[in-house]
């Protein structure tokens, strides 16, 4: 199940998307539009959903939220962007990581 969020998720919505991977939520954040797609098992599926709704590839970054620990990670194949200076599955820029985490915490916590 996927949710596109532009406002804070309800507890019920969080429970639904957390069922895909038992307490862990994969997300793709659109850093320009301050929205995210949550849920599913592949970042690529959430990325595709956002692209069909008008997001731009260069604005989309993937990661995950562990609901038990509250830890946000920044690891996804969609983050491999040598042309944007990100040559890793991890988001390397601390400024970008901070922006992603701010959006995730605002919408999912």
Protein backbone atom coordinates (compact mmCIF):
# COMPACT_ATOMS: atom_id res chain seq x y z
CA UNK A 1 0.00 0.00 0.00
CA UNK A 2 1.20 3.49 -0.86
CA UNK A 3 0.20 6.82 0.56
CA UNK A 4 1.13 10.18 -0.90
CA UNK A 5 1.42 12.58 2.02
CA UNK A 6 1.49 16.35 2.04
CA UNK A 7 0.20 16.62 5.62
CA UNK A 8 0.85 14.62 8.77
CA UNK A 9 -0.21 10.98 8.53
CA UNK A 10 -2.75 9.64 10.99
CA UNK A 11 -1.86 6.74 13.28
CA UNK A 12 -4.12 4.52 11.17
CA UNK A 13 -2.31 5.51 7.96
CA UNK A 14 1.08 4.84 9.55
CA UNK A 15 -0.08 1.41 10.73
CA UNK A 16 -1.26 0.54 7.22
CA UNK A 17 1.99 1.44 5.44
CA UNK A 18 4.08 -0.16 8.21
CA UNK A 19 2.49 -3.55 7.48
CA UNK A 20 4.33 -3.84 4.15
CA UNK A 21 7.64 -4.44 5.94
CA UNK A 22 6.61 -5.10 9.55
CA UNK A 23 7.29 -1.84 11.36
CA UNK A 24 9.60 -0.30 8.77
CA UNK A 25 8.34 2.23 6.25
CA UNK A 26 10.07 2.79 2.94
CA UNK A 27 9.60 6.31 1.65
CA UNK A 28 10.45 8.52 -1.29
CA UNK A 29 10.58 12.24 -0.56
CA UNK A 30 10.04 15.02 -3.08
CA UNK A 31 12.26 17.70 -1.55
CA UNK A 32 10.93 20.47 -3.79
CA UNK A 33 7.22 19.88 -3.16
CA UNK A 34 7.64 18.75 0.48
CA UNK A 35 5.64 15.56 -0.03
CA UNK A 36 6.43 11.89 0.27
CA UNK A 37 5.22 8.50 -0.85
CA UNK A 38 5.21 5.96 1.99
CA UNK A 39 4.80 2.21 1.93
CA UNK A 40 5.41 -0.66 -0.42
CA UNK A 41 8.48 -2.84 -0.69
CA UNK A 42 10.38 -1.09 -3.49
CA UNK A 43 11.44 2.54 -3.58
CA UNK A 44 11.14 2.41 -7.37
CA UNK A 45 7.38 1.85 -7.10
CA UNK A 46 6.90 4.87 -4.83
CA UNK A 47 9.19 6.90 -7.09
CA UNK A 48 7.07 5.97 -10.12
CA UNK A 49 3.90 7.00 -8.28
CA UNK A 50 5.33 10.44 -7.51
CA UNK A 51 6.63 10.88 -11.06
CA UNK A 52 3.16 10.19 -12.47
CA UNK A 53 1.82 12.92 -10.18
CA UNK A 54 4.23 15.54 -11.49
CA UNK A 55 7.34 15.21 -9.35
CA UNK A 56 10.73 15.54 -11.03
CA UNK A 57 13.34 12.79 -10.83
CA UNK A 58 16.07 15.09 -9.50
CA UNK A 59 13.87 16.00 -6.50
CA UNK A 60 13.15 12.43 -5.37
CA UNK A 61 15.20 10.66 -2.71
CA UNK A 62 14.56 7.36 -0.95
CA UNK A 63 15.04 5.98 2.51
CA UNK A 64 13.26 4.33 5.37
CA UNK A 65 11.87 4.88 8.84
CA UNK A 66 12.15 2.27 11.59
CA UNK A 67 9.10 2.84 13.75
CA UNK A 68 10.54 0.98 16.74
CA UNK A 69 13.73 3.05 17.02
CA UNK A 70 12.61 6.19 15.19
CA UNK A 71 15.75 5.99 13.06
CA UNK A 72 15.62 7.44 9.55
CA UNK A 73 17.95 5.93 6.95
CA UNK A 74 18.87 7.30 3.56
CA UNK A 75 19.61 4.10 1.63
CA UNK A 76 17.97 3.36 -1.71
CA UNK A 77 18.97 2.38 -5.22
CA UNK A 78 17.10 5.44 -6.52
CA UNK A 79 19.68 7.62 -4.73
CA UNK A 80 22.46 6.57 -7.13
CA UNK A 81 22.85 9.89 -8.94
CA UNK A 82 26.42 10.52 -10.11
CA UNK A 83 25.13 13.38 -12.28
CA UNK A 84 23.85 15.07 -9.10
CA UNK A 85 27.00 14.35 -7.11
CA UNK A 86 25.60 11.33 -5.26
CA UNK A 87 27.61 8.24 -6.23
CA UNK A 88 26.16 6.01 -3.52
CA UNK A 89 22.91 4.37 -2.49
CA UNK A 90 23.23 6.54 0.62
CA UNK A 91 22.40 10.22 0.40
CA UNK A 92 25.84 11.77 0.87
CA UNK A 93 24.97 15.46 1.35
CA UNK A 94 24.28 16.35 4.98
CA UNK A 95 22.14 19.30 3.87
CA UNK A 96 20.03 17.01 1.71
CA UNK A 97 19.77 14.41 4.49
CA UNK A 98 18.58 17.12 6.89
CA UNK A 99 15.91 18.27 4.41
CA UNK A 100 14.71 14.69 3.84
CA UNK A 101 14.59 13.94 7.56
CA UNK A 102 12.69 17.15 8.29
CA UNK A 103 9.99 16.18 5.77
CA UNK A 104 9.81 12.59 7.05
CA UNK A 105 9.51 13.63 10.68
CA UNK A 106 6.87 16.24 9.87
CA UNK A 107 4.72 13.85 7.83
CA UNK A 108 5.31 10.44 9.47
CA UNK A 109 6.07 11.14 13.14
